[in-house]
Amino acid sequence: EDAIVRLIGAILLEQNDEWAVQHARYMTLETIAPLSDDPTVSLPAIAS
């Protein structure tokens, strides 16, 4: 049981690192839009 807990903890820690890097690696439209001179830049509608 202790080995399973350590394994799951290691997997979650690695995934957390991936999520942290991913947010810094990719620029979202929200961060890019203010840099644009094009007023037609907009976010796509969210499907319901």
PDB file of N, CA and C in Angstrom:
ATOM      1  N   GLU A   1       0.822  -1.197   0.000  1.00  0.00           N
ATOM      2  CA  GLU A   1       0.000   0.000   0.000  1.00  0.00           C
ATOM      3  C   GLU A   1       0.869   1.266   0.000  1.00  0.00           C
ATOM      4  N   ASP A   2       1.941   1.251   0.767  1.00  0.00           N
ATOM      5  CA  ASP A   2       2.827   2.422   0.792  1.00  0.00           C
ATOM      6  C   ASP A   2       3.448   2.684  -0.574  1.00  0.00           C
ATOM      7  N   ALA A   3       3.792   1.614  -1.284  1.00  0.00           N
ATOM      8  CA  ALA A   3       4.377   1.768  -2.619  1.00  0.00           C
ATOM      9  C   ALA A   3       3.370   2.375  -3.591  1.00  0.00           C
ATOM     10  N   ILE A   4       2.114   1.985  -3.462  1.00  0.00           N
ATOM     11  CA  ILE A   4       1.064   2.538  -4.333  1.00  0.00           C
ATOM     12  C   ILE A   4       0.886   4.023  -4.058  1.00  0.00           C
ATOM     13  N   VAL A   5       0.883   4.389  -2.786  1.00  0.00           N
ATOM     14  CA  VAL A   5       0.740   5.803  -2.425  1.00  0.00           C
ATOM     15  C   VAL A   5       1.913   6.611  -2.979  1.00  0.00           C
ATOM     16  N   ARG A   6       3.133   6.084  -2.875  1.00  0.00           N
ATOM     17  CA  ARG A   6       4.302   6.790  -3.419  1.00  0.00           C
ATOM     18  C   ARG A   6       4.219   6.912  -4.932  1.00  0.00           C
ATOM     19  N   LEU A   7       3.773   5.845  -5.605  1.00  0.00           N
ATOM     20  CA  LEU A   7       3.642   5.871  -7.061  1.00  0.00           C
ATOM     21  C   LEU A   7       2.621   6.912  -7.498  1.00  0.00           C
ATOM     22  N   ILE A   8       1.461   6.903  -6.878  1.00  0.00           N
ATOM     23  CA  ILE A   8       0.418   7.876  -7.234  1.00  0.00           C
ATOM     24  C   ILE A   8       0.894   9.289  -6.934  1.00  0.00           C
ATOM     25  N   GLY A   9       1.576   9.480  -5.818  1.00  0.00           N
ATOM     26  CA  GLY A   9       2.116  10.799  -5.487  1.00  0.00           C
ATOM     27  C   GLY A   9       3.111  11.282  -6.529  1.00  0.00           C
ATOM     28  N   ALA A  10       3.977  10.378  -6.989  1.00  0.00           N
ATOM     29  CA  ALA A  10       4.962  10.743  -8.014  1.00  0.00           C
ATOM     30  C   ALA A  10       4.280  11.097  -9.328  1.00  0.00           C
ATOM     31  N   ILE A  11       3.258  10.336  -9.694  1.00  0.00           N
ATOM     32  CA  ILE A  11       2.525  10.616 -10.935  1.00  0.00           C
ATOM     33  C   ILE A  11       1.828  11.966 -10.847  1.00  0.00           C
ATOM     34  N   LEU A  12       1.173  12.233  -9.724  1.00  0.00           N
ATOM     35  CA  LEU A  12       0.481  13.517  -9.566  1.00  0.00           C
ATOM     36  C   LEU A  12       1.468  14.680  -9.553  1.00  0.00           C
ATOM     37  N   LEU A  13       2.612  14.498  -8.933  1.00  0.00           N
ATOM     38  CA  LEU A  13       3.624  15.553  -8.913  1.00  0.00           C
ATOM     39  C   LEU A  13       4.137  15.842 -10.319  1.00  0.00           C
ATOM     40  N   GLU A  14       4.383  14.782 -11.093  1.00  0.00           N
ATOM     41  CA  GLU A  14       4.839  14.965 -12.472  1.00  0.00           C
ATOM     42  C   GLU A  14       3.770  15.660 -13.311  1.00  0.00           C
ATOM     43  N   GLN A  15       2.514  15.277 -13.140  1.00  0.00           N
ATOM     44  CA  GLN A  15       1.426  15.899 -13.894  1.00  0.00           C
ATOM     45  C   GLN A  15       1.288  17.367 -13.509  1.00  0.00           C
ATOM     46  N   ASN A  16       1.434  17.663 -12.227  1.00  0.00           N
ATOM     47  CA  ASN A  16       1.350  19.046 -11.774  1.00  0.00           C
ATOM     48  C   ASN A  16       2.445  19.885 -12.426  1.00  0.00           C
ATOM     49  N   ASP A  17       3.658  19.330 -12.530  1.00  0.00           N
ATOM     50  CA  ASP A  17       4.750  20.042 -13.197  1.00  0.00           C
ATOM     51  C   ASP A  17       4.412  20.303 -14.661  1.00  0.00           C
ATOM     52  N   GLU A  18       3.810  19.319 -15.331  1.00  0.00           N
ATOM     53  CA  GLU A  18       3.410  19.489 -16.731  1.00  0.00           C
ATOM     54  C   GLU A  18       2.386  20.613 -16.863  1.00  0.00           C
ATOM     55  N   TRP A  19       1.413  20.647 -15.963  1.00  0.00           N
ATOM     56  CA  TRP A  19       0.393  21.697 -16.021  1.00  0.00           C
ATOM     57  C   TRP A  19       1.026  23.065 -15.797  1.00  0.00           C
ATOM     58  N   ALA A  20       1.956  23.164 -14.868  1.00  0.00           N
ATOM     59  CA  ALA A  20       2.602  24.446 -14.575  1.00  0.00           C
ATOM     60  C   ALA A  20       3.395  24.936 -15.783  1.00  0.00           C
ATOM     61  N   VAL A  21       4.115  24.038 -16.446  1.00  0.00           N
ATOM     62  CA  VAL A  21       4.903  24.405 -17.623  1.00  0.00           C
ATOM     63  C   VAL A  21       3.991  24.742 -18.793  1.00  0.00           C
ATOM     64  N   GLN A  22       2.921  23.992 -18.947  1.00  0.00           N
ATOM     65  CA  GLN A  22       2.016  24.195 -20.080  1.00  0.00           C
ATOM     66  C   GLN A  22       1.437  25.601 -20.066  1.00  0.00           C
ATOM     67  N   HIS A  23       1.055  26.105 -18.905  1.00  0.00           N
ATOM     68  CA  HIS A  23       0.460  27.438 -18.844  1.00  0.00           C
ATOM     69  C   HIS A  23       1.470  28.515 -19.222  1.00  0.00           C
ATOM     70  N   ALA A  24       2.724  28.288 -18.947  1.00  0.00           N
ATOM     71  CA  ALA A  24       3.744  29.267 -19.304  1.00  0.00           C
ATOM     72  C   ALA A  24       4.186  29.118 -20.759  1.00  0.00           C
ATOM     73  N   ARG A  25       4.034  27.926 -21.314  1.00  0.00           N
ATOM     74  CA  ARG A  25       4.524  27.649 -22.660  1.00  0.00           C
ATOM     75  C   ARG A  25       3.602  28.200 -23.737  1.00  0.00           C
ATOM     76  N   TYR A  26       2.310  28.133 -23.512  1.00  0.00           N
ATOM     77  CA  TYR A  26       1.356  28.514 -24.540  1.00  0.00           C
ATOM     78  C   TYR A  26       0.676  29.823 -24.168  1.00  0.00           C
ATOM     79  N   MET A  27       0.619  30.726 -25.125  1.00  0.00           N
ATOM     80  CA  MET A  27      -0.087  31.979 -24.894  1.00  0.00           C
ATOM     81  C   MET A  27      -1.537  31.794 -25.301  1.00  0.00           C
ATOM     82  N   THR A  28      -2.439  32.234 -24.455  1.00  0.00           N
ATOM     83  CA  THR A  28      -3.859  32.120 -24.753  1.00  0.00           C
ATOM     84  C   THR A  28      -4.314  33.324 -25.561  1.00  0.00           C
ATOM     85  N   LEU A  29      -5.478  33.220 -26.162  1.00  0.00           N
ATOM     86  CA  LEU A  29      -6.020  34.331 -26.934  1.00  0.00           C
ATOM     87  C   LEU A  29      -6.243  35.553 -26.047  1.00  0.00           C
ATOM     88  N   GLU A  30      -6.578  35.315 -24.787  1.00  0.00           N
ATOM     89  CA  GLU A  30      -6.779  36.434 -23.859  1.00  0.00           C
ATOM     90  C   GLU A  30      -5.500  37.250 -23.683  1.00  0.00           C
ATOM     91  N   THR A  31      -4.351  36.597 -23.723  1.00  0.00           N
ATOM     92  CA  THR A  31      -3.097  37.331 -23.555  1.00  0.00           C
ATOM     93  C   THR A  31      -2.582  37.906 -24.863  1.00  0.00           C
ATOM     94  N   ILE A  32      -2.951  37.307 -25.984  1.00  0.00           N
ATOM     95  CA  ILE A  32      -2.493  37.784 -27.289  1.00  0.00           C
ATOM     96  C   ILE A  32      -3.363  38.932 -27.811  1.00  0.00           C
ATOM     97  N   ALA A  33      -4.666  38.893 -27.565  1.00  0.00           N
ATOM     98  CA  ALA A  33      -5.601  39.875 -28.122  1.00  0.00           C
ATOM     99  C   ALA A  33      -5.211  41.326 -27.822  1.00  0.00           C
ATOM    100  N   PRO A  34      -4.801  41.675 -26.609  1.00  0.00           N
ATOM    101  CA  PRO A  34      -4.422  43.076 -26.364  1.00  0.00           C
ATOM    102  C   PRO A  34      -3.207  43.531 -27.172  1.00  0.00           C
ATOM    103  N   LEU A  35      -2.425  42.611 -27.691  1.00  0.00           N
ATOM    104  CA  LEU A  35      -1.241  42.966 -28.472  1.00  0.00           C
ATOM    105  C   LEU A  35      -1.561  43.248 -29.927  1.00  0.00           C
ATOM    106  N   SER A  36      -2.773  42.939 -30.342  1.00  0.00           N
ATOM    107  CA  SER A  36      -3.150  43.042 -31.743  1.00  0.00           C
ATOM    108  C   SER A  36      -3.715  44.420 -32.072  1.00  0.00           C
ATOM    109  N   ASP A  37      -3.454  44.871 -33.312  1.00  0.00           N
ATOM    110  CA  ASP A  37      -4.067  46.100 -33.807  1.00  0.00           C
ATOM    111  C   ASP A  37      -5.414  45.810 -34.449  1.00  0.00           C
ATOM    112  N   ASP A  38      -5.744  44.534 -34.610  1.00  0.00           N
ATOM    113  CA  ASP A  38      -6.972  44.110 -35.276  1.00  0.00           C
ATOM    114  C   ASP A  38      -8.115  44.019 -34.256  1.00  0.00           C
ATOM    115  N   PRO A  39      -9.112  44.910 -34.354  1.00  0.00           N
ATOM    116  CA  PRO A  39     -10.215  44.892 -33.378  1.00  0.00           C
ATOM    117  C   PRO A  39     -11.145  43.692 -33.532  1.00  0.00           C
ATOM    118  N   THR A  40     -10.993  42.904 -34.603  1.00  0.00           N
ATOM    119  CA  THR A  40     -11.890  41.765 -34.805  1.00  0.00           C
ATOM    120  C   THR A  40     -11.429  40.508 -34.068  1.00  0.00           C
ATOM    121  N   VAL A  41     -10.308  40.580 -33.366  1.00  0.00           N
ATOM    122  CA  VAL A  41      -9.859  39.426 -32.590  1.00  0.00           C
ATOM    123  C   VAL A  41     -10.855  39.198 -31.471  1.00  0.00           C
ATOM    124  N   SER A  42     -11.393  37.982 -31.408  1.00  0.00           N
ATOM    125  CA  SER A  42     -12.370  37.670 -30.364  1.00  0.00           C
ATOM    126  C   SER A  42     -12.251  36.208 -29.971  1.00  0.00           C
ATOM    127  N   LEU A  43     -12.841  35.891 -28.852  1.00  0.00           N
ATOM    128  CA  LEU A  43     -12.848  34.519 -28.374  1.00  0.00           C
ATOM    129  C   LEU A  43     -13.987  33.756 -29.026  1.00  0.00           C
ATOM    130  N   PRO A  44     -13.780  32.491 -29.335  1.00  0.00           N
ATOM    131  CA  PRO A  44     -14.879  31.696 -29.895  1.00  0.00           C
ATOM    132  C   PRO A  44     -15.954  31.453 -28.842  1.00  0.00           C
ATOM    133  N   ALA A  45     -17.180  31.260 -29.304  1.00  0.00           N
ATOM    134  CA  ALA A  45     -18.283  30.984 -28.387  1.00  0.00           C
ATOM    135  C   ALA A  45     -18.091  29.612 -27.761  1.00  0.00           C
ATOM    136  N   ILE A  46     -18.511  29.492 -26.532  1.00  0.00           N
ATOM    137  CA  ILE A  46     -18.423  28.216 -25.825  1.00  0.00           C
ATOM    138  C   ILE A  46     -19.647  27.388 -26.165  1.00  0.00           C
ATOM    139  N   ALA A  47     -19.423  26.172 -26.626  1.00  0.00           N
ATOM    140  CA  ALA A  47     -20.542  25.281 -26.952  1.00  0.00           C
ATOM    141  C   ALA A  47     -21.232  24.858 -25.666  1.00  0.00           C
ATOM    142  N   SER A  48     -22.553  24.848 -25.695  1.00  0.00           N
ATOM    143  CA  SER A  48     -23.281  24.475 -24.479  1.00  0.00           C
ATOM    144  C   SER A  48     -23.751  23.056 -24.499  1.00  0.00           C
TER     145      SER A  48
END
